[in-house]
Amino acid sequence: MFGIFKKKTEVDKLQSKYKALLKEAYDLSKINRSKSDQKTFEAEEVYKQIELLNKKINLT
């Protein structure tokens, strides 16, 4: 109940974006392989950002 007032962290936002990009890539894989590959690449870039943020958080 109190989770509705919780602000999303930067990592949470990036994870949502990552999941959305992977879903879009999967949907595109049935129609257009090159666009699917582009979305997968974008998702991997977001994943790298998530990893960097997690490393920063763990260092502090």
N, C-alpha and C. Protein backbone atom coordinates (compact mmCIF):
# COMPACT_ATOMS: atom_id res chain seq x y z
N MET A 1 0.83 -1.19 0.00
CA MET A 1 0.00 0.00 0.00
C MET A 1 0.87 1.25 0.00
N PHE A 2 1.94 1.24 0.76
CA PHE A 2 2.77 2.42 0.85
C PHE A 2 3.78 2.49 -0.28
N GLY A 3 3.85 1.45 -1.10
CA GLY A 3 4.76 1.44 -2.23
C GLY A 3 4.38 2.43 -3.32
N ILE A 4 3.14 2.91 -3.30
CA ILE A 4 2.72 3.85 -4.35
C ILE A 4 3.39 5.21 -4.18
N PHE A 5 3.88 5.50 -2.99
CA PHE A 5 4.53 6.78 -2.76
C PHE A 5 6.04 6.70 -2.94
N LYS A 6 6.55 5.51 -3.15
CA LYS A 6 7.98 5.32 -3.31
C LYS A 6 8.41 5.80 -4.69
N LYS A 7 9.46 6.61 -4.71
CA LYS A 7 9.99 7.10 -5.98
C LYS A 7 10.84 6.01 -6.61
N LYS A 8 10.79 5.93 -7.93
CA LYS A 8 11.61 4.97 -8.63
C LYS A 8 13.05 5.47 -8.66
N THR A 9 13.97 4.58 -8.40
CA THR A 9 15.38 4.93 -8.49
C THR A 9 15.79 4.93 -9.95
N GLU A 10 16.97 5.44 -10.22
CA GLU A 10 17.49 5.47 -11.58
C GLU A 10 17.64 4.05 -12.12
N VAL A 11 18.06 3.13 -11.26
CA VAL A 11 18.23 1.74 -11.68
C VAL A 11 16.87 1.14 -12.04
N ASP A 12 15.85 1.43 -11.25
CA ASP A 12 14.51 0.92 -11.54
C ASP A 12 14.01 1.42 -12.89
N LYS A 13 14.25 2.69 -13.16
CA LYS A 13 13.82 3.27 -14.44
C LYS A 13 14.54 2.60 -15.60
N LEU A 14 15.86 2.39 -15.44
CA LEU A 14 16.63 1.75 -16.51
C LEU A 14 16.21 0.29 -16.71
N GLN A 15 15.88 -0.39 -15.62
CA GLN A 15 15.43 -1.78 -15.74
C GLN A 15 14.10 -1.86 -16.48
N SER A 16 13.21 -0.91 -16.24
CA SER A 16 11.94 -0.88 -16.97
C SER A 16 12.18 -0.63 -18.45
N LYS A 17 13.08 0.29 -18.74
CA LYS A 17 13.42 0.59 -20.14
C LYS A 17 14.05 -0.62 -20.81
N TYR A 18 14.92 -1.32 -20.09
CA TYR A 18 15.59 -2.51 -20.61
C TYR A 18 14.57 -3.59 -20.97
N LYS A 19 13.63 -3.84 -20.06
CA LYS A 19 12.59 -4.85 -20.32
C LYS A 19 11.74 -4.47 -21.52
N ALA A 20 11.39 -3.19 -21.63
CA ALA A 20 10.57 -2.73 -22.74
C ALA A 20 11.31 -2.89 -24.07
N LEU A 21 12.60 -2.59 -24.09
CA LEU A 21 13.38 -2.73 -25.31
C LEU A 21 13.50 -4.19 -25.72
N LEU A 22 13.70 -5.07 -24.75
CA LEU A 22 13.79 -6.50 -25.07
C LEU A 22 12.47 -7.04 -25.61
N LYS A 23 11.37 -6.59 -25.04
CA LYS A 23 10.05 -7.02 -25.52
C LYS A 23 9.83 -6.53 -26.95
N GLU A 24 10.19 -5.28 -27.19
CA GLU A 24 10.04 -4.71 -28.53
C GLU A 24 10.93 -5.45 -29.53
N ALA A 25 12.14 -5.80 -29.11
CA ALA A 25 13.05 -6.54 -29.98
C ALA A 25 12.47 -7.91 -30.31
N TYR A 26 11.88 -8.55 -29.32
CA TYR A 26 11.26 -9.86 -29.55
C TYR A 26 10.09 -9.75 -30.53
N ASP A 27 9.26 -8.74 -30.33
CA ASP A 27 8.12 -8.55 -31.24
C ASP A 27 8.59 -8.25 -32.66
N LEU A 28 9.64 -7.46 -32.79
CA LEU A 28 10.16 -7.12 -34.11
C LEU A 28 10.87 -8.29 -34.78
N SER A 29 11.35 -9.24 -33.99
CA SER A 29 12.09 -10.37 -34.56
C SER A 29 11.21 -11.20 -35.50
N LYS A 30 9.92 -11.12 -35.32
CA LYS A 30 9.00 -11.86 -36.18
C LYS A 30 8.73 -11.13 -37.49
N ILE A 31 9.04 -9.82 -37.51
CA ILE A 31 8.70 -8.99 -38.67
C ILE A 31 9.94 -8.51 -39.41
N ASN A 32 10.86 -7.89 -38.66
CA ASN A 32 12.01 -7.25 -39.28
C ASN A 32 13.25 -7.51 -38.41
N ARG A 33 14.10 -8.39 -38.91
CA ARG A 33 15.26 -8.83 -38.12
C ARG A 33 16.25 -7.69 -37.84
N SER A 34 16.49 -6.81 -38.80
CA SER A 34 17.47 -5.74 -38.59
C SER A 34 17.00 -4.75 -37.51
N LYS A 35 15.70 -4.45 -37.50
CA LYS A 35 15.18 -3.56 -36.45
C LYS A 35 15.24 -4.24 -35.09
N SER A 36 15.00 -5.55 -35.09
CA SER A 36 15.10 -6.32 -33.85
C SER A 36 16.52 -6.27 -33.31
N ASP A 37 17.50 -6.43 -34.20
CA ASP A 37 18.90 -6.36 -33.78
C ASP A 37 19.25 -4.99 -33.22
N GLN A 38 18.70 -3.94 -33.80
CA GLN A 38 18.94 -2.58 -33.32
C GLN A 38 18.37 -2.40 -31.91
N LYS A 39 17.17 -2.91 -31.67
CA LYS A 39 16.56 -2.79 -30.35
C LYS A 39 17.33 -3.62 -29.32
N THR A 40 17.83 -4.76 -29.73
CA THR A 40 18.64 -5.58 -28.83
C THR A 40 19.92 -4.85 -28.45
N PHE A 41 20.54 -4.19 -29.43
CA PHE A 41 21.73 -3.41 -29.16
C PHE A 41 21.43 -2.28 -28.18
N GLU A 42 20.31 -1.58 -28.37
CA GLU A 42 19.92 -0.51 -27.46
C GLU A 42 19.70 -1.06 -26.05
N ALA A 43 19.09 -2.23 -25.96
CA ALA A 43 18.85 -2.85 -24.66
C ALA A 43 20.18 -3.19 -23.98
N GLU A 44 21.14 -3.66 -24.73
CA GLU A 44 22.45 -3.98 -24.16
C GLU A 44 23.16 -2.72 -23.65
N GLU A 45 22.98 -1.61 -24.34
CA GLU A 45 23.57 -0.35 -23.88
C GLU A 45 22.93 0.08 -22.56
N VAL A 46 21.63 -0.09 -22.43
CA VAL A 46 20.94 0.24 -21.19
C VAL A 46 21.42 -0.68 -20.07
N TYR A 47 21.62 -1.95 -20.40
CA TYR A 47 22.12 -2.91 -19.41
C TYR A 47 23.49 -2.50 -18.90
N LYS A 48 24.34 -2.01 -19.78
CA LYS A 48 25.66 -1.54 -19.37
C LYS A 48 25.54 -0.37 -18.39
N GLN A 49 24.58 0.52 -18.64
CA GLN A 49 24.36 1.64 -17.73
C GLN A 49 23.90 1.13 -16.36
N ILE A 50 23.03 0.12 -16.36
CA ILE A 50 22.56 -0.46 -15.11
C ILE A 50 23.73 -1.04 -14.32
N GLU A 51 24.59 -1.76 -15.01
CA GLU A 51 25.75 -2.35 -14.35
C GLU A 51 26.66 -1.27 -13.75
N LEU A 52 26.89 -0.19 -14.48
CA LEU A 52 27.72 0.90 -13.97
C LEU A 52 27.11 1.52 -12.71
N LEU A 53 25.81 1.75 -12.74
CA LEU A 53 25.14 2.33 -11.57
C LEU A 53 25.21 1.38 -10.37
N ASN A 54 25.04 0.09 -10.63
CA ASN A 54 25.12 -0.88 -9.53
C ASN A 54 26.52 -0.91 -8.94
N LYS A 55 27.54 -0.77 -9.77
CA LYS A 55 28.91 -0.75 -9.26
C LYS A 55 29.14 0.49 -8.41
N LYS A 56 28.60 1.64 -8.86
CA LYS A 56 28.75 2.88 -8.09
C LYS A 56 28.05 2.76 -6.74
N ILE A 57 26.88 2.15 -6.75
CA ILE A 57 26.11 2.01 -5.51
C ILE A 57 26.85 1.09 -4.54
N ASN A 58 27.44 0.03 -5.07
CA ASN A 58 28.14 -0.92 -4.20
C ASN A 58 29.44 -0.37 -3.66
N LEU A 59 30.03 0.60 -4.35
CA LEU A 59 31.28 1.20 -3.87
C LEU A 59 31.06 2.16 -2.72
N THR A 60 29.88 2.74 -2.64
CA THR A 60 29.62 3.72 -1.57
C THR A 60 29.15 3.06 -0.31
